[in-house]
Amino acid sequence: VSAHRPVRADAPPPVAATVATGVL
């Protein structure tokens, strides 16, 4: 993943996706 889409420690957290996961 880091080679194709770097995962940054300071990237904005996926708040909307996390809330949507909570709904499911």
mmCIF file of all heavy atoms, coordinates in Angstrom:
data_MODEL
# 
_entry.id   MODEL 
# 
loop_
_atom_site.group_PDB 
_atom_site.id 
_atom_site.type_symbol 
_atom_site.label_atom_id 
_atom_site.label_alt_id 
_atom_site.label_comp_id 
_atom_site.label_asym_id 
_atom_site.label_entity_id 
_atom_site.label_seq_id 
_atom_site.pdbx_PDB_ins_code 
_atom_site.Cartn_x 
_atom_site.Cartn_y 
_atom_site.Cartn_z 
_atom_site.occupancy 
_atom_site.B_iso_or_equiv 
_atom_site.pdbx_formal_charge 
_atom_site.auth_seq_id 
_atom_site.auth_comp_id 
_atom_site.auth_asym_id 
_atom_site.auth_atom_id 
_atom_site.pdbx_PDB_model_num 
ATOM 1   N N   . VAL A 1 1  ? 0.825   -1.198 0.000  1.00 0.00 ? 1  VAL A N   1 
ATOM 2   C CA  . VAL A 1 1  ? 0.000   0.000  0.000  1.00 0.00 ? 1  VAL A CA  1 
ATOM 3   C C   . VAL A 1 1  ? 0.864   1.255  0.000  1.00 0.00 ? 1  VAL A C   1 
ATOM 4   O O   . VAL A 1 1  ? 0.580   2.226  -0.714 1.00 0.00 ? 1  VAL A O   1 
ATOM 5   C CB  . VAL A 1 1  ? -0.947  0.005  1.223  1.00 0.00 ? 1  VAL A CB  1 
ATOM 6   C CG1 . VAL A 1 1  ? -1.629  1.348  1.364  1.00 0.00 ? 1  VAL A CG1 1 
ATOM 7   C CG2 . VAL A 1 1  ? -1.992  -1.095 1.080  1.00 0.00 ? 1  VAL A CG2 1 
ATOM 8   N N   . SER A 1 2  ? 1.924   1.240  0.796  1.00 0.00 ? 2  SER A N   1 
ATOM 9   C CA  . SER A 1 2  ? 2.787   2.424  0.876  1.00 0.00 ? 2  SER A CA  1 
ATOM 10  C C   . SER A 1 2  ? 3.486   2.690  -0.447 1.00 0.00 ? 2  SER A C   1 
ATOM 11  O O   . SER A 1 2  ? 3.799   3.842  -0.774 1.00 0.00 ? 2  SER A O   1 
ATOM 12  C CB  . SER A 1 2  ? 3.824   2.239  1.985  1.00 0.00 ? 2  SER A CB  1 
ATOM 13  O OG  . SER A 1 2  ? 4.679   1.148  1.694  1.00 0.00 ? 2  SER A OG  1 
ATOM 14  N N   . ALA A 1 3  ? 3.706   1.616  -1.225 1.00 0.00 ? 3  ALA A N   1 
ATOM 15  C CA  . ALA A 1 3  ? 4.356   1.783  -2.517 1.00 0.00 ? 3  ALA A CA  1 
ATOM 16  C C   . ALA A 1 3  ? 3.406   2.377  -3.558 1.00 0.00 ? 3  ALA A C   1 
ATOM 17  O O   . ALA A 1 3  ? 3.835   3.105  -4.458 1.00 0.00 ? 3  ALA A O   1 
ATOM 18  C CB  . ALA A 1 3  ? 4.895   0.443  -3.009 1.00 0.00 ? 3  ALA A CB  1 
ATOM 19  N N   . HIS A 1 4  ? 2.116   2.058  -3.420 1.00 0.00 ? 4  HIS A N   1 
ATOM 20  C CA  . HIS A 1 4  ? 1.136   2.533  -4.408 1.00 0.00 ? 4  HIS A CA  1 
ATOM 21  C C   . HIS A 1 4  ? 0.311   3.722  -3.899 1.00 0.00 ? 4  HIS A C   1 
ATOM 22  O O   . HIS A 1 4  ? -0.110  4.561  -4.683 1.00 0.00 ? 4  HIS A O   1 
ATOM 23  C CB  . HIS A 1 4  ? 0.192   1.383  -4.791 1.00 0.00 ? 4  HIS A CB  1 
ATOM 24  C CG  . HIS A 1 4  ? 0.856   0.273  -5.524 1.00 0.00 ? 4  HIS A CG  1 
ATOM 25  N ND1 . HIS A 1 4  ? 1.619   -0.697 -4.885 1.00 0.00 ? 4  HIS A ND1 1 
ATOM 26  C CD2 . HIS A 1 4  ? 0.895   -0.029 -6.839 1.00 0.00 ? 4  HIS A CD2 1 
ATOM 27  C CE1 . HIS A 1 4  ? 2.085   -1.551 -5.793 1.00 0.00 ? 4  HIS A CE1 1 
ATOM 28  N NE2 . HIS A 1 4  ? 1.663   -1.169 -6.978 1.00 0.00 ? 4  HIS A NE2 1 
ATOM 29  N N   . ARG A 1 5  ? 0.045   3.752  -2.601 1.00 0.00 ? 5  ARG A N   1 
ATOM 30  C CA  . ARG A 1 5  ? -0.696  4.880  -1.994 1.00 0.00 ? 5  ARG A CA  1 
ATOM 31  C C   . ARG A 1 5  ? -0.158  5.059  -0.587 1.00 0.00 ? 5  ARG A C   1 
ATOM 32  O O   . ARG A 1 5  ? -0.634  4.435  0.341  1.00 0.00 ? 5  ARG A O   1 
ATOM 33  C CB  . ARG A 1 5  ? -2.198  4.598  -1.960 1.00 0.00 ? 5  ARG A CB  1 
ATOM 34  C CG  . ARG A 1 5  ? -3.018  5.779  -1.430 1.00 0.00 ? 5  ARG A CG  1 
ATOM 35  C CD  . ARG A 1 5  ? -4.505  5.440  -1.418 1.00 0.00 ? 5  ARG A CD  1 
ATOM 36  N NE  . ARG A 1 5  ? -4.802  4.341  -0.518 1.00 0.00 ? 5  ARG A NE  1 
ATOM 37  C CZ  . ARG A 1 5  ? -5.000  4.492  0.796  1.00 0.00 ? 5  ARG A CZ  1 
ATOM 38  N NH1 . ARG A 1 5  ? -4.890  5.685  1.353  1.00 0.00 ? 5  ARG A NH1 1 
ATOM 39  N NH2 . ARG A 1 5  ? -5.284  3.458  1.552  1.00 0.00 ? 5  ARG A NH2 1 
ATOM 40  N N   . PRO A 1 6  ? 0.840   5.907  -0.436 1.00 0.00 ? 6  PRO A N   1 
ATOM 41  C CA  . PRO A 1 6  ? 1.490   6.051  0.878  1.00 0.00 ? 6  PRO A CA  1 
ATOM 42  C C   . PRO A 1 6  ? 0.492   6.321  1.999  1.00 0.00 ? 6  PRO A C   1 
ATOM 43  O O   . PRO A 1 6  ? -0.406  7.151  1.863  1.00 0.00 ? 6  PRO A O   1 
ATOM 44  C CB  . PRO A 1 6  ? 2.429   7.253  0.665  1.00 0.00 ? 6  PRO A CB  1 
ATOM 45  C CG  . PRO A 1 6  ? 2.690   7.273  -0.814 1.00 0.00 ? 6  PRO A CG  1 
ATOM 46  C CD  . PRO A 1 6  ? 1.413   6.792  -1.446 1.00 0.00 ? 6  PRO A CD  1 
ATOM 47  N N   . VAL A 1 7  ? 0.639   5.572  3.104  1.00 0.00 ? 7  VAL A N   1 
ATOM 48  C CA  . VAL A 1 7  ? -0.205  5.760  4.280  1.00 0.00 ? 7  VAL A CA  1 
ATOM 49  C C   . VAL A 1 7  ? 0.535   6.688  5.233  1.00 0.00 ? 7  VAL A C   1 
ATOM 50  O O   . VAL A 1 7  ? 1.529   6.307  5.834  1.00 0.00 ? 7  VAL A O   1 
ATOM 51  C CB  . VAL A 1 7  ? -0.513  4.408  4.966  1.00 0.00 ? 7  VAL A CB  1 
ATOM 52  C CG1 . VAL A 1 7  ? -1.391  4.641  6.192  1.00 0.00 ? 7  VAL A CG1 1 
ATOM 53  C CG2 . VAL A 1 7  ? -1.183  3.468  3.986  1.00 0.00 ? 7  VAL A CG2 1 
ATOM 54  N N   . ARG A 1 8  ? 0.047   7.905  5.369  1.00 0.00 ? 8  ARG A N   1 
ATOM 55  C CA  . ARG A 1 8  ? 0.712   8.892  6.201  1.00 0.00 ? 8  ARG A CA  1 
ATOM 56  C C   . ARG A 1 8  ? 0.119   8.900  7.600  1.00 0.00 ? 8  ARG A C   1 
ATOM 57  O O   . ARG A 1 8  ? -1.099  8.853  7.778  1.00 0.00 ? 8  ARG A O   1 
ATOM 58  C CB  . ARG A 1 8  ? 0.563   10.280 5.580  1.00 0.00 ? 8  ARG A CB  1 
ATOM 59  C CG  . ARG A 1 8  ? 1.272   10.452 4.253  1.00 0.00 ? 8  ARG A CG  1 
ATOM 60  C CD  . ARG A 1 8  ? 0.837   11.740 3.568  1.00 0.00 ? 8  ARG A CD  1 
ATOM 61  N NE  . ARG A 1 8  ? 0.732   12.841 4.528  1.00 0.00 ? 8  ARG A NE  1 
ATOM 62  C CZ  . ARG A 1 8  ? -0.031  13.909 4.318  1.00 0.00 ? 8  ARG A CZ  1 
ATOM 63  N NH1 . ARG A 1 8  ? -0.772  13.993 3.229  1.00 0.00 ? 8  ARG A NH1 1 
ATOM 64  N NH2 . ARG A 1 8  ? -0.067  14.875 5.228  1.00 0.00 ? 8  ARG A NH2 1 
ATOM 65  N N   . ALA A 1 9  ? 0.983   8.969  8.584  1.00 0.00 ? 9  ALA A N   1 
ATOM 66  C CA  . ALA A 1 9  ? 0.516   8.991  9.966  1.00 0.00 ? 9  ALA A CA  1 
ATOM 67  C C   . ALA A 1 9  ? -0.249  10.270 10.286 1.00 0.00 ? 9  ALA A C   1 
ATOM 68  O O   . ALA A 1 9  ? -1.104  10.288 11.174 1.00 0.00 ? 9  ALA A O   1 
ATOM 69  C CB  . ALA A 1 9  ? 1.705   8.840  10.917 1.00 0.00 ? 9  ALA A CB  1 
ATOM 70  N N   . ASP A 1 10 ? 0.046   11.371 9.547  1.00 0.00 ? 10 ASP A N   1 
ATOM 71  C CA  . ASP A 1 10 ? -0.619  12.638 9.810  1.00 0.00 ? 10 ASP A CA  1 
ATOM 72  C C   . ASP A 1 10 ? -1.798  12.886 8.869  1.00 0.00 ? 10 ASP A C   1 
ATOM 73  O O   . ASP A 1 10 ? -2.323  14.000 8.804  1.00 0.00 ? 10 ASP A O   1 
ATOM 74  C CB  . ASP A 1 10 ? 0.380   13.792 9.699  1.00 0.00 ? 10 ASP A CB  1 
ATOM 75  C CG  . ASP A 1 10 ? 1.019   13.876 8.307  1.00 0.00 ? 10 ASP A CG  1 
ATOM 76  O OD1 . ASP A 1 10 ? 0.909   12.894 7.536  1.00 0.00 ? 10 ASP A OD1 1 
ATOM 77  O OD2 . ASP A 1 10 ? 1.625   14.913 8.000  1.00 0.00 ? 10 ASP A OD2 1 
ATOM 78  N N   . ALA A 1 11 ? -2.232  11.862 8.130  1.00 0.00 ? 11 ALA A N   1 
ATOM 79  C CA  . ALA A 1 11 ? -3.360  12.024 7.217  1.00 0.00 ? 11 ALA A CA  1 
ATOM 80  C C   . ALA A 1 11 ? -4.647  12.242 8.001  1.00 0.00 ? 11 ALA A C   1 
ATOM 81  O O   . ALA A 1 11 ? -4.793  11.744 9.125  1.00 0.00 ? 11 ALA A O   1 
ATOM 82  C CB  . ALA A 1 11 ? -3.492  10.786 6.328  1.00 0.00 ? 11 ALA A CB  1 
ATOM 83  N N   . PRO A 1 12 ? -5.627  13.000 7.445  1.00 0.00 ? 12 PRO A N   1 
ATOM 84  C CA  . PRO A 1 12 ? -6.897  13.238 8.151  1.00 0.00 ? 12 PRO A CA  1 
ATOM 85  C C   . PRO A 1 12 ? -7.613  11.917 8.418  1.00 0.00 ? 12 PRO A C   1 
ATOM 86  O O   . PRO A 1 12 ? -7.673  11.048 7.545  1.00 0.00 ? 12 PRO A O   1 
ATOM 87  C CB  . PRO A 1 12 ? -7.692  14.109 7.169  1.00 0.00 ? 12 PRO A CB  1 
ATOM 88  C CG  . PRO A 1 12 ? -6.664  14.728 6.275  1.00 0.00 ? 12 PRO A CG  1 
ATOM 89  C CD  . PRO A 1 12 ? -5.567  13.717 6.158  1.00 0.00 ? 12 PRO A CD  1 
ATOM 90  N N   . PRO A 1 13 ? -8.158  11.720 9.591  1.00 0.00 ? 13 PRO A N   1 
ATOM 91  C CA  . PRO A 1 13 ? -8.853  10.467 9.910  1.00 0.00 ? 13 PRO A CA  1 
ATOM 92  C C   . PRO A 1 13 ? -10.144 10.333 9.103  1.00 0.00 ? 13 PRO A C   1 
ATOM 93  O O   . PRO A 1 13 ? -10.827 11.333 8.854  1.00 0.00 ? 13 PRO A O   1 
ATOM 94  C CB  . PRO A 1 13 ? -9.135  10.587 11.406 1.00 0.00 ? 13 PRO A CB  1 
ATOM 95  C CG  . PRO A 1 13 ? -9.163  12.053 11.670 1.00 0.00 ? 13 PRO A CG  1 
ATOM 96  C CD  . PRO A 1 13 ? -8.159  12.658 10.733 1.00 0.00 ? 13 PRO A CD  1 
ATOM 97  N N   . PRO A 1 14 ? -10.502 9.124  8.693  1.00 0.00 ? 14 PRO A N   1 
ATOM 98  C CA  . PRO A 1 14 ? -11.724 8.911  7.905  1.00 0.00 ? 14 PRO A CA  1 
ATOM 99  C C   . PRO A 1 14 ? -12.968 8.925  8.796  1.00 0.00 ? 14 PRO A C   1 
ATOM 100 O O   . PRO A 1 14 ? -13.584 7.883  9.060  1.00 0.00 ? 14 PRO A O   1 
ATOM 101 C CB  . PRO A 1 14 ? -11.484 7.537  7.276  1.00 0.00 ? 14 PRO A CB  1 
ATOM 102 C CG  . PRO A 1 14 ? -10.621 6.825  8.266  1.00 0.00 ? 14 PRO A CG  1 
ATOM 103 C CD  . PRO A 1 14 ? -9.740  7.882  8.880  1.00 0.00 ? 14 PRO A CD  1 
ATOM 104 N N   . VAL A 1 15 ? -13.366 10.113 9.250  1.00 0.00 ? 15 VAL A N   1 
ATOM 105 C CA  . VAL A 1 15 ? -14.459 10.228 10.221 1.00 0.00 ? 15 VAL A CA  1 
ATOM 106 C C   . VAL A 1 15 ? -15.779 9.744  9.617  1.00 0.00 ? 15 VAL A C   1 
ATOM 107 O O   . VAL A 1 15 ? -16.507 8.960  10.224 1.00 0.00 ? 15 VAL A O   1 
ATOM 108 C CB  . VAL A 1 15 ? -14.595 11.677 10.715 1.00 0.00 ? 15 VAL A CB  1 
ATOM 109 C CG1 . VAL A 1 15 ? -15.752 11.795 11.696 1.00 0.00 ? 15 VAL A CG1 1 
ATOM 110 C CG2 . VAL A 1 15 ? -13.294 12.140 11.369 1.00 0.00 ? 15 VAL A CG2 1 
ATOM 111 N N   . ALA A 1 16 ? -16.116 10.229 8.413  1.00 0.00 ? 16 ALA A N   1 
ATOM 112 C CA  . ALA A 1 16 ? -17.397 9.867  7.794  1.00 0.00 ? 16 ALA A CA  1 
ATOM 113 C C   . ALA A 1 16 ? -17.488 8.367  7.564  1.00 0.00 ? 16 ALA A C   1 
ATOM 114 O O   . ALA A 1 16 ? -18.527 7.740  7.838  1.00 0.00 ? 16 ALA A O   1 
ATOM 115 C CB  . ALA A 1 16 ? -17.572 10.623 6.480  1.00 0.00 ? 16 ALA A CB  1 
ATOM 116 N N   . ALA A 1 17 ? -16.415 7.758  7.081  1.00 0.00 ? 17 ALA A N   1 
ATOM 117 C CA  . ALA A 1 17 ? -16.421 6.318  6.837  1.00 0.00 ? 17 ALA A CA  1 
ATOM 118 C C   . ALA A 1 17 ? -16.536 5.542  8.144  1.00 0.00 ? 17 ALA A C   1 
ATOM 119 O O   . ALA A 1 17 ? -17.176 4.487  8.199  1.00 0.00 ? 17 ALA A O   1 
ATOM 120 C CB  . ALA A 1 17 ? -15.144 5.908  6.099  1.00 0.00 ? 17 ALA A CB  1 
ATOM 121 N N   . THR A 1 18 ? -15.939 6.068  9.204  1.00 0.00 ? 18 THR A N   1 
ATOM 122 C CA  . THR A 1 18 ? -16.012 5.400  10.507 1.00 0.00 ? 18 THR A CA  1 
ATOM 123 C C   . THR A 1 18 ? -17.432 5.444  11.061 1.00 0.00 ? 18 THR A C   1 
ATOM 124 O O   . THR A 1 18 ? -17.941 4.451  11.589 1.00 0.00 ? 18 THR A O   1 
ATOM 125 C CB  . THR A 1 18 ? -15.035 6.053  11.497 1.00 0.00 ? 18 THR A CB  1 
ATOM 126 O OG1 . THR A 1 18 ? -13.721 6.061  10.940 1.00 0.00 ? 18 THR A OG1 1 
ATOM 127 C CG2 . THR A 1 18 ? -15.000 5.291  12.809 1.00 0.00 ? 18 THR A CG2 1 
ATOM 128 N N   . VAL A 1 19 ? -18.087 6.601  10.942 1.00 0.00 ? 19 VAL A N   1 
ATOM 129 C CA  . VAL A 1 19 ? -19.478 6.711  11.402 1.00 0.00 ? 19 VAL A CA  1 
ATOM 130 C C   . VAL A 1 19 ? -20.386 5.800  10.583 1.00 0.00 ? 19 VAL A C   1 
ATOM 131 O O   . VAL A 1 19 ? -21.268 5.128  11.129 1.00 0.00 ? 19 VAL A O   1 
ATOM 132 C CB  . VAL A 1 19 ? -19.959 8.175  11.318 1.00 0.00 ? 19 VAL A CB  1 
ATOM 133 C CG1 . VAL A 1 19 ? -21.446 8.273  11.667 1.00 0.00 ? 19 VAL A CG1 1 
ATOM 134 C CG2 . VAL A 1 19 ? -19.144 9.062  12.254 1.00 0.00 ? 19 VAL A CG2 1 
ATOM 135 N N   . ALA A 1 20 ? -20.172 5.756  9.261  1.00 0.00 ? 20 ALA A N   1 
ATOM 136 C CA  . ALA A 1 20 ? -20.974 4.884  8.401  1.00 0.00 ? 20 ALA A CA  1 
ATOM 137 C C   . ALA A 1 20 ? -20.772 3.418  8.758  1.00 0.00 ? 20 ALA A C   1 
ATOM 138 O O   . ALA A 1 20 ? -21.728 2.622  8.753  1.00 0.00 ? 20 ALA A O   1 
ATOM 139 C CB  . ALA A 1 20 ? -20.613 5.120  6.935  1.00 0.00 ? 20 ALA A CB  1 
ATOM 140 N N   . THR A 1 21 ? -19.547 3.058  9.097  1.00 0.00 ? 21 THR A N   1 
ATOM 141 C CA  . THR A 1 21 ? -19.276 1.695  9.552  1.00 0.00 ? 21 THR A CA  1 
ATOM 142 C C   . THR A 1 21 ? -20.033 1.400  10.835 1.00 0.00 ? 21 THR A C   1 
ATOM 143 O O   . THR A 1 21 ? -20.562 0.303  11.028 1.00 0.00 ? 21 THR A O   1 
ATOM 144 C CB  . THR A 1 21 ? -17.762 1.503  9.771  1.00 0.00 ? 21 THR A CB  1 
ATOM 145 O OG1 . THR A 1 21 ? -17.071 1.726  8.543  1.00 0.00 ? 21 THR A OG1 1 
ATOM 146 C CG2 . THR A 1 21 ? -17.459 0.103  10.276 1.00 0.00 ? 21 THR A CG2 1 
ATOM 147 N N   . GLY A 1 22 ? -20.097 2.388  11.729 1.00 0.00 ? 22 GLY A N   1 
ATOM 148 C CA  . GLY A 1 22 ? -20.860 2.223  12.957 1.00 0.00 ? 22 GLY A CA  1 
ATOM 149 C C   . GLY A 1 22 ? -22.327 1.961  12.684 1.00 0.00 ? 22 GLY A C   1 
ATOM 150 O O   . GLY A 1 22 ? -22.959 1.128  13.361 1.00 0.00 ? 22 GLY A O   1 
ATOM 151 N N   . VAL A 1 23 ? -22.906 2.630  11.688 1.00 0.00 ? 23 VAL A N   1 
ATOM 152 C CA  . VAL A 1 23 ? -24.310 2.404  11.329 1.00 0.00 ? 23 VAL A CA  1 
ATOM 153 C C   . VAL A 1 23 ? -24.512 0.955  10.905 1.00 0.00 ? 23 VAL A C   1 
ATOM 154 O O   . VAL A 1 23 ? -25.464 0.281  11.340 1.00 0.00 ? 23 VAL A O   1 
ATOM 155 C CB  . VAL A 1 23 ? -24.741 3.363  10.197 1.00 0.00 ? 23 VAL A CB  1 
ATOM 156 C CG1 . VAL A 1 23 ? -26.136 2.991  9.683  1.00 0.00 ? 23 VAL A CG1 1 
ATOM 157 C CG2 . VAL A 1 23 ? -24.726 4.804  10.687 1.00 0.00 ? 23 VAL A CG2 1 
ATOM 158 N N   . LEU A 1 24 ? -23.633 0.449  10.048 1.00 0.00 ? 24 LEU A N   1 
ATOM 159 C CA  . LEU A 1 24 ? -23.730 -0.941 9.595  1.00 0.00 ? 24 LEU A CA  1 
ATOM 160 C C   . LEU A 1 24 ? -23.612 -1.907 10.760 1.00 0.00 ? 24 LEU A C   1 
ATOM 161 O O   . LEU A 1 24 ? -24.385 -2.873 10.869 1.00 0.00 ? 24 LEU A O   1 
ATOM 162 C CB  . LEU A 1 24 ? -22.637 -1.219 8.557  1.00 0.00 ? 24 LEU A CB  1 
ATOM 163 C CG  . LEU A 1 24 ? -22.542 -2.655 8.043  1.00 0.00 ? 24 LEU A CG  1 
ATOM 164 C CD1 . LEU A 1 24 ? -23.833 -3.060 7.337  1.00 0.00 ? 24 LEU A CD1 1 
ATOM 165 C CD2 . LEU A 1 24 ? -21.341 -2.817 7.114  1.00 0.00 ? 24 LEU A CD2 1 
# 
